[in-house]
N, C-alpha and C. Protein backbone atom coordinates (compact mmCIF):
# COMPACT_ATOMS: atom_id res chain seq x y z
N MET A 1 56.62 77.00 -51.36
CA MET A 1 55.23 76.87 -51.93
C MET A 1 54.28 76.76 -50.80
N SER A 2 53.12 77.48 -50.90
CA SER A 2 52.20 77.38 -49.75
C SER A 2 51.43 76.09 -49.76
N LEU A 3 50.93 75.80 -48.62
CA LEU A 3 50.11 74.56 -48.49
C LEU A 3 48.88 74.64 -49.35
N ARG A 4 48.35 75.88 -49.59
CA ARG A 4 47.15 76.07 -50.35
C ARG A 4 47.42 75.64 -51.79
N LEU A 5 48.58 76.02 -52.32
CA LEU A 5 48.86 75.63 -53.73
C LEU A 5 49.13 74.13 -53.88
N LEU A 6 49.79 73.55 -52.80
CA LEU A 6 49.97 72.08 -52.87
C LEU A 6 48.66 71.34 -52.88
N ALA A 7 47.71 71.81 -52.18
CA ALA A 7 46.42 71.20 -52.02
C ALA A 7 45.57 71.27 -53.30
N LEU A 8 45.84 72.28 -54.20
CA LEU A 8 44.99 72.50 -55.30
C LEU A 8 44.92 71.29 -56.30
N PRO A 9 46.05 70.71 -56.73
CA PRO A 9 45.95 69.54 -57.64
C PRO A 9 45.18 68.38 -57.04
N VAL A 10 45.36 68.21 -55.74
CA VAL A 10 44.63 67.15 -55.06
C VAL A 10 43.15 67.39 -55.12
N ALA A 11 42.76 68.61 -54.94
CA ALA A 11 41.28 68.98 -54.99
C ALA A 11 40.75 68.72 -56.36
N ILE A 12 41.52 69.13 -57.41
CA ILE A 12 41.12 68.94 -58.77
C ILE A 12 40.87 67.43 -59.11
N LEU A 13 41.89 66.64 -58.68
CA LEU A 13 41.79 65.20 -58.92
C LEU A 13 40.59 64.62 -58.20
N ALA A 14 40.30 65.11 -57.08
CA ALA A 14 39.17 64.62 -56.29
C ALA A 14 37.83 64.82 -57.00
N THR A 15 37.81 65.86 -57.82
CA THR A 15 36.47 66.20 -58.51
C THR A 15 36.28 65.35 -59.80
N VAL A 16 37.37 64.76 -60.32
CA VAL A 16 37.26 64.02 -61.55
C VAL A 16 36.23 62.93 -61.51
N PRO A 17 36.28 61.98 -60.51
CA PRO A 17 35.27 60.90 -60.41
C PRO A 17 33.86 61.47 -60.39
N ALA A 18 33.60 62.59 -59.71
CA ALA A 18 32.28 63.15 -59.58
C ALA A 18 31.79 63.64 -60.97
N VAL A 19 32.70 64.32 -61.71
CA VAL A 19 32.30 64.80 -63.06
C VAL A 19 32.02 63.59 -63.97
N GLN A 20 32.87 62.61 -63.95
CA GLN A 20 32.63 61.41 -64.76
C GLN A 20 31.33 60.78 -64.44
N ALA A 21 31.00 60.66 -63.18
CA ALA A 21 29.73 60.11 -62.75
C ALA A 21 28.52 60.89 -63.26
N GLN A 22 28.67 62.24 -63.24
CA GLN A 22 27.57 63.07 -63.74
C GLN A 22 27.38 62.85 -65.28
N GLN A 23 28.48 62.77 -66.02
CA GLN A 23 28.44 62.48 -67.45
C GLN A 23 27.80 61.21 -67.72
N GLN A 24 28.06 60.15 -66.96
CA GLN A 24 27.50 58.84 -67.15
C GLN A 24 25.97 58.94 -66.91
N VAL A 25 25.52 59.67 -65.89
CA VAL A 25 24.09 59.80 -65.61
C VAL A 25 23.38 60.48 -66.73
N ARG A 26 24.05 61.50 -67.32
CA ARG A 26 23.43 62.25 -68.47
C ARG A 26 23.29 61.33 -69.60
N GLN A 27 24.36 60.58 -69.89
CA GLN A 27 24.27 59.65 -71.06
C GLN A 27 23.21 58.60 -70.90
N GLN A 28 23.01 58.05 -69.68
CA GLN A 28 22.08 57.06 -69.44
C GLN A 28 20.67 57.64 -69.54
N ALA A 29 20.57 58.93 -69.15
CA ALA A 29 19.24 59.57 -69.18
C ALA A 29 18.76 59.84 -70.55
N GLN A 30 19.69 60.03 -71.54
CA GLN A 30 19.34 60.32 -72.87
C GLN A 30 18.70 59.09 -73.54
N PRO A 31 17.51 59.24 -74.20
CA PRO A 31 16.91 57.99 -74.83
C PRO A 31 17.73 57.68 -76.01
N PRO A 32 17.76 56.39 -76.40
CA PRO A 32 18.48 55.91 -77.52
C PRO A 32 17.89 56.55 -78.81
N ALA A 33 18.69 56.76 -79.79
CA ALA A 33 18.16 57.29 -81.07
C ALA A 33 17.19 56.30 -81.70
N ALA A 34 16.07 56.87 -82.12
CA ALA A 34 15.01 56.07 -82.77
C ALA A 34 15.52 55.47 -84.06
N SER A 35 15.21 54.13 -84.26
CA SER A 35 15.52 53.50 -85.53
C SER A 35 14.57 54.06 -86.64
N PRO A 36 15.08 54.17 -87.88
CA PRO A 36 14.20 54.60 -88.99
C PRO A 36 13.02 53.65 -89.13
N PRO A 37 11.87 54.15 -89.53
CA PRO A 37 10.70 53.23 -89.66
C PRO A 37 10.92 52.24 -90.76
N LEU A 38 10.30 51.07 -90.66
CA LEU A 38 10.35 50.02 -91.62
C LEU A 38 9.35 50.31 -92.76
N THR A 39 9.68 51.38 -93.56
CA THR A 39 8.84 51.84 -94.55
C THR A 39 9.64 52.08 -95.87
N ILE A 40 9.14 51.63 -96.98
CA ILE A 40 9.83 51.81 -98.23
C ILE A 40 8.94 52.72 -99.11
N ALA A 41 9.51 53.74 -99.55
CA ALA A 41 8.86 54.65 -100.58
C ALA A 41 9.90 54.91 -101.63
N CYS A 42 9.45 55.39 -102.77
CA CYS A 42 10.32 55.58 -103.98
C CYS A 42 11.08 56.93 -103.82
N SER A 43 11.62 57.22 -102.60
CA SER A 43 12.29 58.45 -102.29
C SER A 43 13.30 58.19 -101.19
N GLY A 44 14.03 59.23 -100.79
CA GLY A 44 14.96 59.10 -99.71
C GLY A 44 15.98 57.96 -99.92
N PRO A 45 16.19 57.09 -98.95
CA PRO A 45 17.16 56.02 -99.08
C PRO A 45 16.82 55.00 -100.16
N PHE A 46 15.52 55.05 -100.71
CA PHE A 46 15.12 54.12 -101.70
C PHE A 46 14.78 54.84 -103.02
N ALA A 47 15.33 56.07 -103.16
CA ALA A 47 15.18 56.75 -104.43
C ALA A 47 16.10 56.11 -105.54
N LYS A 48 15.77 56.46 -106.75
CA LYS A 48 16.57 55.87 -107.87
C LYS A 48 18.07 56.13 -107.79
N ASP A 49 18.38 57.30 -107.22
CA ASP A 49 19.86 57.69 -107.16
C ASP A 49 20.53 57.25 -105.82
N SER A 50 19.88 56.35 -105.08
CA SER A 50 20.49 55.92 -103.79
C SER A 50 21.73 55.12 -103.96
N SER A 51 22.24 54.79 -102.81
CA SER A 51 23.54 53.99 -102.78
C SER A 51 23.70 53.22 -101.53
N HIS A 52 24.67 52.33 -101.53
CA HIS A 52 25.01 51.60 -100.28
C HIS A 52 25.38 52.57 -99.20
N ALA A 53 26.12 53.55 -99.57
CA ALA A 53 26.56 54.56 -98.57
C ALA A 53 25.36 55.31 -97.99
N ARG A 54 24.38 55.64 -98.77
CA ARG A 54 23.19 56.30 -98.29
C ARG A 54 22.42 55.44 -97.31
N LEU A 55 22.31 54.23 -97.68
CA LEU A 55 21.60 53.26 -96.77
C LEU A 55 22.29 53.27 -95.37
N GLN A 56 23.69 53.21 -95.43
CA GLN A 56 24.41 53.20 -94.12
C GLN A 56 24.23 54.46 -93.36
N GLN A 57 24.14 55.62 -94.08
CA GLN A 57 23.91 56.92 -93.44
C GLN A 57 22.57 56.96 -92.78
N THR A 58 21.55 56.30 -93.44
CA THR A 58 20.19 56.32 -92.92
C THR A 58 19.94 55.37 -91.80
N PHE A 59 20.43 54.14 -91.98
CA PHE A 59 20.09 53.08 -91.05
C PHE A 59 21.22 52.66 -90.14
N GLY A 60 22.42 53.16 -90.42
CA GLY A 60 23.58 52.81 -89.58
C GLY A 60 24.47 51.81 -90.25
N ALA A 61 25.76 52.01 -90.21
CA ALA A 61 26.70 51.16 -90.88
C ALA A 61 26.67 49.73 -90.36
N GLN A 62 26.27 49.60 -89.04
CA GLN A 62 26.20 48.24 -88.40
C GLN A 62 25.02 47.48 -88.91
N VAL A 63 24.05 48.10 -89.57
CA VAL A 63 22.82 47.50 -89.97
C VAL A 63 22.93 47.03 -91.44
N VAL A 64 23.71 47.71 -92.28
CA VAL A 64 23.77 47.46 -93.68
C VAL A 64 25.09 46.71 -94.06
N ALA A 65 24.92 45.58 -94.65
CA ALA A 65 26.08 44.74 -95.06
C ALA A 65 25.93 44.30 -96.56
N THR A 66 27.06 43.83 -97.06
CA THR A 66 27.05 43.28 -98.41
C THR A 66 27.06 41.75 -98.26
N GLN A 67 26.21 41.03 -98.98
CA GLN A 67 26.01 39.64 -98.81
C GLN A 67 25.54 39.01 -100.10
N LYS A 68 25.93 37.80 -100.41
CA LYS A 68 25.43 37.07 -101.50
C LYS A 68 24.00 36.60 -101.17
N VAL A 69 23.14 36.83 -102.18
CA VAL A 69 21.71 36.43 -101.99
C VAL A 69 21.28 35.49 -103.15
N ASP A 70 20.18 34.78 -102.96
CA ASP A 70 19.66 33.85 -103.99
C ASP A 70 18.88 34.60 -105.06
N GLY A 71 19.05 34.34 -106.28
CA GLY A 71 18.25 34.91 -107.32
C GLY A 71 17.40 33.79 -107.97
N ALA A 72 16.88 34.08 -109.15
CA ALA A 72 16.05 33.12 -109.84
C ALA A 72 16.88 32.01 -110.49
N GLU A 73 16.28 30.87 -110.60
CA GLU A 73 16.87 29.71 -111.26
C GLU A 73 18.25 29.31 -110.65
N GLY A 74 18.38 29.41 -109.35
CA GLY A 74 19.59 29.01 -108.73
C GLY A 74 20.79 29.98 -108.73
N GLU A 75 20.58 31.14 -109.34
CA GLU A 75 21.68 32.16 -109.39
C GLU A 75 21.88 32.81 -108.03
N THR A 76 23.12 33.30 -107.83
CA THR A 76 23.39 34.09 -106.63
C THR A 76 24.11 35.35 -107.08
N PHE A 77 23.90 36.42 -106.34
CA PHE A 77 24.53 37.67 -106.62
C PHE A 77 24.65 38.52 -105.33
N GLU A 78 25.54 39.58 -105.37
CA GLU A 78 25.77 40.39 -104.18
C GLU A 78 24.72 41.43 -104.10
N ALA A 79 24.32 41.73 -102.88
CA ALA A 79 23.33 42.73 -102.62
C ALA A 79 23.68 43.44 -101.30
N SER A 80 23.09 44.66 -101.10
CA SER A 80 23.21 45.29 -99.80
C SER A 80 22.04 44.77 -98.98
N VAL A 81 22.32 44.24 -97.83
CA VAL A 81 21.31 43.61 -96.97
C VAL A 81 21.18 44.38 -95.62
N LEU A 82 19.94 44.77 -95.32
CA LEU A 82 19.65 45.41 -94.05
C LEU A 82 19.17 44.39 -93.08
N TYR A 83 19.65 44.46 -91.83
CA TYR A 83 19.13 43.56 -90.75
C TYR A 83 19.22 42.09 -91.16
N ARG A 84 20.38 41.69 -91.68
CA ARG A 84 20.51 40.39 -92.34
C ARG A 84 20.18 39.21 -91.51
N SER A 85 20.30 39.32 -90.15
CA SER A 85 20.01 38.19 -89.24
C SER A 85 18.68 38.30 -88.52
N VAL A 86 17.82 39.27 -88.95
CA VAL A 86 16.56 39.45 -88.39
C VAL A 86 15.46 39.23 -89.40
N PRO A 87 14.84 38.06 -89.44
CA PRO A 87 13.92 37.70 -90.54
C PRO A 87 12.82 38.69 -90.83
N ASP A 88 12.25 39.23 -89.82
CA ASP A 88 11.06 40.17 -90.06
C ASP A 88 11.52 41.58 -90.41
N LYS A 89 12.86 41.82 -90.40
CA LYS A 89 13.34 43.18 -90.73
C LYS A 89 14.29 43.11 -91.95
N ARG A 90 14.63 41.91 -92.38
CA ARG A 90 15.62 41.78 -93.45
C ARG A 90 15.06 42.42 -94.73
N LEU A 91 15.96 43.14 -95.41
CA LEU A 91 15.69 43.82 -96.65
C LEU A 91 16.88 43.65 -97.58
N GLU A 92 16.60 43.26 -98.85
CA GLU A 92 17.73 43.02 -99.83
C GLU A 92 17.62 44.11 -100.94
N VAL A 93 18.76 44.84 -101.18
CA VAL A 93 18.75 45.91 -102.13
C VAL A 93 19.79 45.59 -103.25
N THR A 94 19.37 45.70 -104.46
CA THR A 94 20.34 45.45 -105.61
C THR A 94 20.57 46.76 -106.31
N TRP A 95 21.70 46.84 -107.08
CA TRP A 95 22.14 48.08 -107.67
C TRP A 95 22.28 47.98 -109.18
N MET A 96 22.08 49.12 -109.84
CA MET A 96 22.31 49.13 -111.27
C MET A 96 23.83 49.10 -111.56
N ASP A 97 24.63 49.76 -110.69
CA ASP A 97 26.06 49.75 -110.80
C ASP A 97 26.51 48.89 -109.63
N ASP A 98 26.89 47.59 -109.90
CA ASP A 98 27.25 46.70 -108.84
C ASP A 98 28.58 47.10 -108.22
N LYS A 99 29.57 47.58 -109.01
CA LYS A 99 30.89 47.99 -108.44
C LYS A 99 30.80 49.15 -107.50
N LYS A 100 30.08 50.13 -107.86
CA LYS A 100 29.95 51.34 -107.02
C LYS A 100 28.89 51.18 -105.99
N ARG A 101 28.02 50.15 -106.14
CA ARG A 101 26.85 49.91 -105.32
C ARG A 101 26.02 51.19 -105.28
N SER A 102 25.61 51.61 -106.41
CA SER A 102 24.79 52.85 -106.52
C SER A 102 23.72 52.68 -107.65
N GLY A 103 22.73 53.52 -107.64
CA GLY A 103 21.67 53.45 -108.58
C GLY A 103 20.75 52.31 -108.23
N LEU A 104 19.76 52.56 -107.38
CA LEU A 104 18.94 51.48 -106.87
C LEU A 104 18.17 50.76 -107.99
N SER A 105 18.34 49.42 -108.05
CA SER A 105 17.59 48.59 -109.01
C SER A 105 16.35 48.05 -108.38
N SER A 106 16.48 47.43 -107.22
CA SER A 106 15.27 46.96 -106.45
C SER A 106 15.56 46.84 -105.04
N ALA A 107 14.52 46.97 -104.22
CA ALA A 107 14.52 46.72 -102.78
C ALA A 107 13.41 45.68 -102.48
N SER A 108 13.77 44.55 -101.98
CA SER A 108 12.75 43.41 -101.88
C SER A 108 12.74 42.84 -100.49
N VAL A 109 11.55 42.36 -100.15
CA VAL A 109 11.37 41.68 -98.87
C VAL A 109 10.47 40.43 -99.13
N LYS A 110 10.51 39.52 -98.15
CA LYS A 110 9.65 38.36 -98.22
C LYS A 110 9.14 37.94 -96.84
N LYS A 111 8.22 37.04 -96.80
CA LYS A 111 7.63 36.51 -95.59
C LYS A 111 8.75 36.11 -94.61
N PRO A 112 8.78 36.52 -93.30
CA PRO A 112 7.69 37.20 -92.56
C PRO A 112 7.99 38.69 -92.36
N SER A 113 8.37 39.40 -93.37
CA SER A 113 8.74 40.77 -93.27
C SER A 113 7.74 41.71 -92.61
N SER A 114 8.18 42.70 -91.86
CA SER A 114 7.39 43.72 -91.25
C SER A 114 7.40 45.03 -92.00
N TRP A 115 8.17 45.09 -93.09
CA TRP A 115 8.26 46.33 -93.86
C TRP A 115 6.90 46.68 -94.53
N THR A 116 6.61 47.93 -94.60
CA THR A 116 5.44 48.44 -95.33
C THR A 116 5.96 49.16 -96.58
N GLY A 117 5.26 48.94 -97.73
CA GLY A 117 5.65 49.54 -98.98
C GLY A 117 4.67 50.68 -99.41
N PRO A 118 4.87 51.11 -100.70
CA PRO A 118 3.97 52.16 -101.18
C PRO A 118 2.48 51.70 -101.11
N GLU A 119 1.64 52.70 -100.81
CA GLU A 119 0.19 52.49 -100.70
C GLU A 119 -0.12 51.45 -99.60
N GLY A 120 0.73 51.28 -98.64
CA GLY A 120 0.47 50.39 -97.52
C GLY A 120 0.62 48.87 -97.76
N ILE A 121 1.27 48.58 -98.88
CA ILE A 121 1.49 47.14 -99.23
C ILE A 121 2.33 46.48 -98.17
N ARG A 122 1.91 45.24 -97.77
CA ARG A 122 2.72 44.52 -96.76
C ARG A 122 2.53 42.97 -96.94
N ILE A 123 3.47 42.22 -96.43
CA ILE A 123 3.30 40.79 -96.48
C ILE A 123 2.06 40.32 -95.75
N GLY A 124 1.38 39.24 -96.34
CA GLY A 124 0.26 38.69 -95.72
C GLY A 124 -1.10 39.26 -96.24
N MET A 125 -1.01 40.28 -97.13
CA MET A 125 -2.28 40.80 -97.69
C MET A 125 -2.85 39.78 -98.65
N THR A 126 -4.19 39.79 -98.73
CA THR A 126 -4.93 38.91 -99.61
C THR A 126 -4.89 39.48 -101.07
N LEU A 127 -5.24 38.58 -101.97
CA LEU A 127 -5.34 38.99 -103.41
C LEU A 127 -6.30 40.12 -103.55
N ASP A 128 -7.50 40.04 -102.92
CA ASP A 128 -8.46 41.04 -102.98
C ASP A 128 -7.99 42.39 -102.46
N GLU A 129 -7.30 42.39 -101.33
CA GLU A 129 -6.85 43.65 -100.76
C GLU A 129 -5.86 44.34 -101.67
N VAL A 130 -4.96 43.57 -102.25
CA VAL A 130 -4.00 44.20 -103.18
C VAL A 130 -4.62 44.75 -104.43
N ALA A 131 -5.62 44.00 -104.93
CA ALA A 131 -6.35 44.41 -106.18
C ALA A 131 -7.12 45.73 -105.91
N LYS A 132 -7.65 45.85 -104.71
CA LYS A 132 -8.40 47.12 -104.33
C LYS A 132 -7.42 48.32 -104.30
N ILE A 133 -6.25 48.10 -103.73
CA ILE A 133 -5.22 49.13 -103.71
C ILE A 133 -4.79 49.48 -105.13
N ASN A 134 -4.65 48.49 -105.95
CA ASN A 134 -4.20 48.69 -107.28
C ASN A 134 -5.20 49.41 -108.18
N GLY A 135 -6.50 49.30 -107.77
CA GLY A 135 -7.49 49.97 -108.52
C GLY A 135 -8.12 49.19 -109.64
N GLN A 136 -7.60 48.00 -109.90
CA GLN A 136 -8.13 47.14 -110.98
C GLN A 136 -7.50 45.73 -110.85
N PRO A 137 -8.16 44.73 -111.46
CA PRO A 137 -7.65 43.34 -111.40
C PRO A 137 -6.31 43.32 -112.14
N PHE A 138 -5.55 42.21 -111.96
CA PHE A 138 -4.28 42.03 -112.65
C PHE A 138 -4.13 40.53 -112.91
N LYS A 139 -3.08 40.20 -113.64
CA LYS A 139 -2.80 38.79 -113.94
C LYS A 139 -1.57 38.32 -113.24
N LEU A 140 -1.56 37.06 -112.85
CA LEU A 140 -0.42 36.42 -112.19
C LEU A 140 -0.17 35.06 -112.72
N ASN A 141 1.03 34.53 -112.57
CA ASN A 141 1.36 33.21 -113.02
C ASN A 141 0.76 32.16 -112.18
N GLY A 142 0.56 30.95 -112.79
CA GLY A 142 0.11 29.84 -112.02
C GLY A 142 1.15 29.44 -110.97
N PHE A 143 0.82 28.63 -110.02
CA PHE A 143 1.74 28.32 -108.89
C PHE A 143 2.58 27.16 -109.26
N GLU A 144 3.51 26.88 -108.27
CA GLU A 144 4.39 25.68 -108.24
C GLU A 144 5.34 25.54 -109.45
N TRP A 145 6.04 26.65 -109.76
CA TRP A 145 7.19 26.59 -110.67
C TRP A 145 8.06 27.76 -110.26
N ASP A 146 9.25 27.90 -110.97
CA ASP A 146 10.18 28.99 -110.59
C ASP A 146 9.64 30.39 -110.44
N TYR A 147 8.74 30.72 -111.36
CA TYR A 147 8.15 32.05 -111.39
C TYR A 147 6.66 31.98 -110.99
N GLY A 148 6.30 30.97 -110.24
CA GLY A 148 4.94 30.79 -109.80
C GLY A 148 4.46 31.85 -108.88
N GLY A 149 3.26 32.41 -109.12
CA GLY A 149 2.64 33.35 -108.22
C GLY A 149 3.07 34.77 -108.46
N TYR A 150 3.95 35.01 -109.41
CA TYR A 150 4.38 36.42 -109.68
C TYR A 150 3.31 37.11 -110.51
N VAL A 151 3.03 38.35 -110.17
CA VAL A 151 2.11 39.19 -110.98
C VAL A 151 2.84 39.59 -112.23
N VAL A 152 2.19 39.39 -113.39
CA VAL A 152 2.87 39.63 -114.69
C VAL A 152 2.23 40.69 -115.52
N ASP A 153 1.09 41.23 -115.08
CA ASP A 153 0.38 42.24 -115.79
C ASP A 153 -0.33 43.13 -114.85
N LEU A 154 0.46 43.98 -114.11
CA LEU A 154 -0.12 44.71 -113.00
C LEU A 154 -0.97 45.85 -113.36
N LYS A 155 -0.43 46.70 -114.22
CA LYS A 155 -1.09 47.96 -114.60
C LYS A 155 -1.56 48.67 -113.33
N GLY A 156 -2.59 49.48 -113.37
CA GLY A 156 -3.14 50.09 -112.15
C GLY A 156 -2.17 50.98 -111.43
N LYS A 157 -2.53 51.31 -110.17
CA LYS A 157 -1.77 52.27 -109.32
C LYS A 157 -0.37 51.82 -109.02
N LEU A 158 -0.27 50.51 -108.78
CA LEU A 158 1.05 49.95 -108.31
C LEU A 158 2.10 49.77 -109.38
N ALA A 159 1.64 49.93 -110.68
CA ALA A 159 2.56 49.74 -111.76
C ALA A 159 3.42 51.00 -112.02
N SER A 160 2.97 52.17 -111.47
CA SER A 160 3.71 53.43 -111.69
C SER A 160 3.45 54.30 -110.49
N LEU A 161 4.45 54.41 -109.64
CA LEU A 161 4.27 55.14 -108.38
C LEU A 161 5.00 56.40 -108.38
N PRO A 162 4.64 57.36 -107.49
CA PRO A 162 5.40 58.66 -107.34
C PRO A 162 6.81 58.34 -107.05
N GLY A 163 7.68 58.99 -107.76
CA GLY A 163 9.15 58.79 -107.58
C GLY A 163 9.67 57.90 -108.72
N GLY A 164 8.81 57.38 -109.58
CA GLY A 164 9.28 56.64 -110.77
C GLY A 164 9.48 55.16 -110.63
N CYS A 165 9.08 54.57 -109.49
CA CYS A 165 9.29 53.19 -109.28
C CYS A 165 8.04 52.38 -109.59
N SER A 166 8.16 51.07 -109.65
CA SER A 166 6.99 50.17 -109.77
C SER A 166 7.20 48.97 -108.78
N MET A 167 6.17 48.22 -108.65
CA MET A 167 6.16 47.10 -107.74
C MET A 167 6.20 45.76 -108.41
N THR A 168 6.85 44.79 -107.80
CA THR A 168 6.82 43.43 -108.23
C THR A 168 6.20 42.65 -107.09
N LEU A 169 5.19 41.83 -107.40
CA LEU A 169 4.44 41.13 -106.30
C LEU A 169 4.47 39.67 -106.54
N ARG A 170 4.48 38.94 -105.42
CA ARG A 170 4.38 37.45 -105.62
C ARG A 170 3.40 36.87 -104.51
N PHE A 171 2.52 36.06 -104.96
CA PHE A 171 1.53 35.45 -104.12
C PHE A 171 1.77 33.95 -104.01
N SER A 172 1.35 33.40 -102.84
CA SER A 172 1.37 31.96 -102.65
C SER A 172 -0.04 31.55 -102.21
N PRO A 173 -0.48 30.32 -102.56
CA PRO A 173 -1.78 29.89 -102.06
C PRO A 173 -1.81 29.73 -100.57
N GLY A 174 -3.00 30.06 -99.99
CA GLY A 174 -3.10 29.99 -98.55
C GLY A 174 -3.46 28.61 -98.09
N MET A 175 -3.37 27.62 -98.92
CA MET A 175 -3.60 26.20 -98.59
C MET A 175 -2.85 25.32 -99.44
N GLU A 176 -2.67 24.06 -99.14
CA GLU A 176 -1.93 23.09 -100.06
C GLU A 176 -2.76 22.81 -101.21
N LEU A 177 -2.16 22.86 -102.37
CA LEU A 177 -2.87 22.57 -103.66
C LEU A 177 -2.90 21.07 -103.93
N ASN A 178 -3.95 20.65 -104.50
CA ASN A 178 -4.15 19.25 -104.96
C ASN A 178 -3.90 19.26 -106.48
N ALA A 179 -2.98 18.41 -106.94
CA ALA A 179 -2.54 18.37 -108.32
C ALA A 179 -3.76 18.26 -109.28
N LYS A 180 -4.75 17.38 -108.87
CA LYS A 180 -5.83 17.16 -109.74
C LYS A 180 -6.90 18.22 -109.60
N LYS A 181 -7.34 18.52 -108.36
CA LYS A 181 -8.40 19.47 -108.07
C LYS A 181 -8.03 20.88 -108.52
N HIS A 182 -6.72 21.27 -108.33
CA HIS A 182 -6.29 22.61 -108.61
C HIS A 182 -5.43 22.72 -109.91
N ALA A 183 -5.62 21.80 -110.81
CA ALA A 183 -4.72 21.75 -111.99
C ALA A 183 -4.81 23.04 -112.81
N SER A 184 -5.92 23.75 -112.78
CA SER A 184 -6.05 24.95 -113.51
C SER A 184 -5.30 26.15 -112.97
N LEU A 185 -4.76 25.93 -111.68
CA LEU A 185 -4.00 26.97 -111.01
C LEU A 185 -2.53 26.69 -110.95
N ILE A 186 -2.10 25.58 -111.51
CA ILE A 186 -0.69 25.17 -111.36
C ILE A 186 0.00 25.18 -112.71
N GLY A 187 1.29 25.65 -112.72
CA GLY A 187 2.04 25.61 -113.92
C GLY A 187 2.14 26.93 -114.68
N GLU A 188 2.74 26.86 -115.85
CA GLU A 188 3.06 28.10 -116.65
C GLU A 188 1.80 28.57 -117.37
N LYS A 189 0.93 29.28 -116.70
CA LYS A 189 -0.27 29.83 -117.25
C LYS A 189 -0.57 31.16 -116.58
N LYS A 190 -1.49 31.96 -117.13
CA LYS A 190 -1.79 33.24 -116.53
C LYS A 190 -3.18 33.16 -115.96
N LEU A 191 -3.27 33.73 -114.75
CA LEU A 191 -4.55 33.65 -113.97
C LEU A 191 -4.97 35.09 -113.70
N SER A 192 -6.28 35.30 -113.64
CA SER A 192 -6.77 36.63 -113.34
C SER A 192 -7.02 36.69 -111.80
N SER A 193 -6.67 37.85 -111.25
CA SER A 193 -6.85 38.00 -109.78
C SER A 193 -8.28 37.96 -109.39
N SER A 194 -9.21 38.05 -110.33
CA SER A 194 -10.67 38.02 -110.01
C SER A 194 -11.18 36.61 -110.25
N ASP A 195 -10.42 35.61 -110.65
CA ASP A 195 -10.84 34.25 -110.91
C ASP A 195 -11.34 33.64 -109.61
N ALA A 196 -12.56 33.11 -109.64
CA ALA A 196 -13.14 32.53 -108.44
C ALA A 196 -12.35 31.36 -107.95
N LYS A 197 -11.92 30.49 -108.86
CA LYS A 197 -11.15 29.30 -108.47
C LYS A 197 -9.80 29.76 -107.75
N LEU A 198 -9.24 30.82 -108.22
CA LEU A 198 -7.99 31.32 -107.65
C LEU A 198 -8.30 31.89 -106.23
N LEU A 199 -9.38 32.69 -106.16
CA LEU A 199 -9.70 33.25 -104.84
C LEU A 199 -10.03 32.19 -103.78
N ALA A 200 -10.57 31.09 -104.32
CA ALA A 200 -10.96 29.97 -103.37
C ALA A 200 -9.76 29.36 -102.58
N VAL A 201 -8.51 29.51 -103.19
CA VAL A 201 -7.35 28.96 -102.50
C VAL A 201 -6.70 30.00 -101.60
N LYS A 202 -7.30 31.18 -101.48
CA LYS A 202 -6.91 32.28 -100.58
C LYS A 202 -5.46 32.64 -100.69
N PRO A 203 -5.05 33.13 -101.88
CA PRO A 203 -3.64 33.53 -102.01
C PRO A 203 -3.33 34.67 -101.16
N VAL A 204 -2.07 34.72 -100.66
CA VAL A 204 -1.63 35.81 -99.85
C VAL A 204 -0.27 36.31 -100.36
N LEU A 205 0.05 37.53 -100.18
CA LEU A 205 1.27 38.18 -100.63
C LEU A 205 2.50 37.66 -99.80
N THR A 206 3.47 37.01 -100.40
CA THR A 206 4.60 36.47 -99.63
C THR A 206 5.92 37.10 -99.97
N SER A 207 5.92 37.87 -101.02
CA SER A 207 7.12 38.69 -101.34
C SER A 207 6.74 39.85 -102.22
N TRP A 208 7.48 40.96 -102.05
CA TRP A 208 7.25 42.12 -102.94
C TRP A 208 8.52 42.96 -103.00
N SER A 209 8.61 43.78 -104.04
CA SER A 209 9.78 44.67 -104.15
C SER A 209 9.33 45.94 -104.87
N VAL A 210 10.13 46.98 -104.68
CA VAL A 210 9.99 48.16 -105.54
C VAL A 210 11.29 48.24 -106.35
N GLY A 211 11.14 48.79 -107.62
CA GLY A 211 12.26 48.77 -108.48
C GLY A 211 12.16 49.85 -109.51
N TYR A 212 13.28 50.10 -110.20
CA TYR A 212 13.33 51.12 -111.31
C TYR A 212 13.82 50.47 -112.59
N GLY A 213 13.24 50.83 -113.73
CA GLY A 213 13.71 50.40 -115.01
C GLY A 213 15.10 50.89 -115.27
N GLU A 214 15.78 50.23 -116.18
CA GLU A 214 17.15 50.53 -116.58
C GLU A 214 17.16 51.97 -117.17
């Protein structure tokens, strides 16, 4: 065997580190894939026919997990949770079919969420700002009980959105309420979003969700 043939494998082996180094440089030079925007619309991953699998395809399997979450009146149930350990990105999704985790029932966020919803809805908006987006006043429950601050008679633009979903909104007073001074705003009663006494306590949006009827 000639010396030239003997030297060939050595030469090939010598080029391997250089090729690996070039591949590393290319990988480092490539920008990381952009994360999907924190926007909820009644389409795409949040369409009525969505599923846990579709959320994973859109946001990444490492971002979407199944977790028990708190419901009304002390109940707990399983939901698909996005960014579960990041308070301003956390999003909870419930399903019409719990076993298959498909058929989106609701997608909800709460303070201090950075998600933006239909028509630009976001946490921290004032009662006036939401009423203007809705196109008309609405009614909400009095504060300081299990369903306090929830909008109960929305109507308007936010009650029926493109894609077939509607919004659920919850407000909290922007100041501490005094049981005597603010008695008309506390408890199981209905308040108008245009009520001057209500506006005086500067309510802000602290949770919202999009959802589909059964």
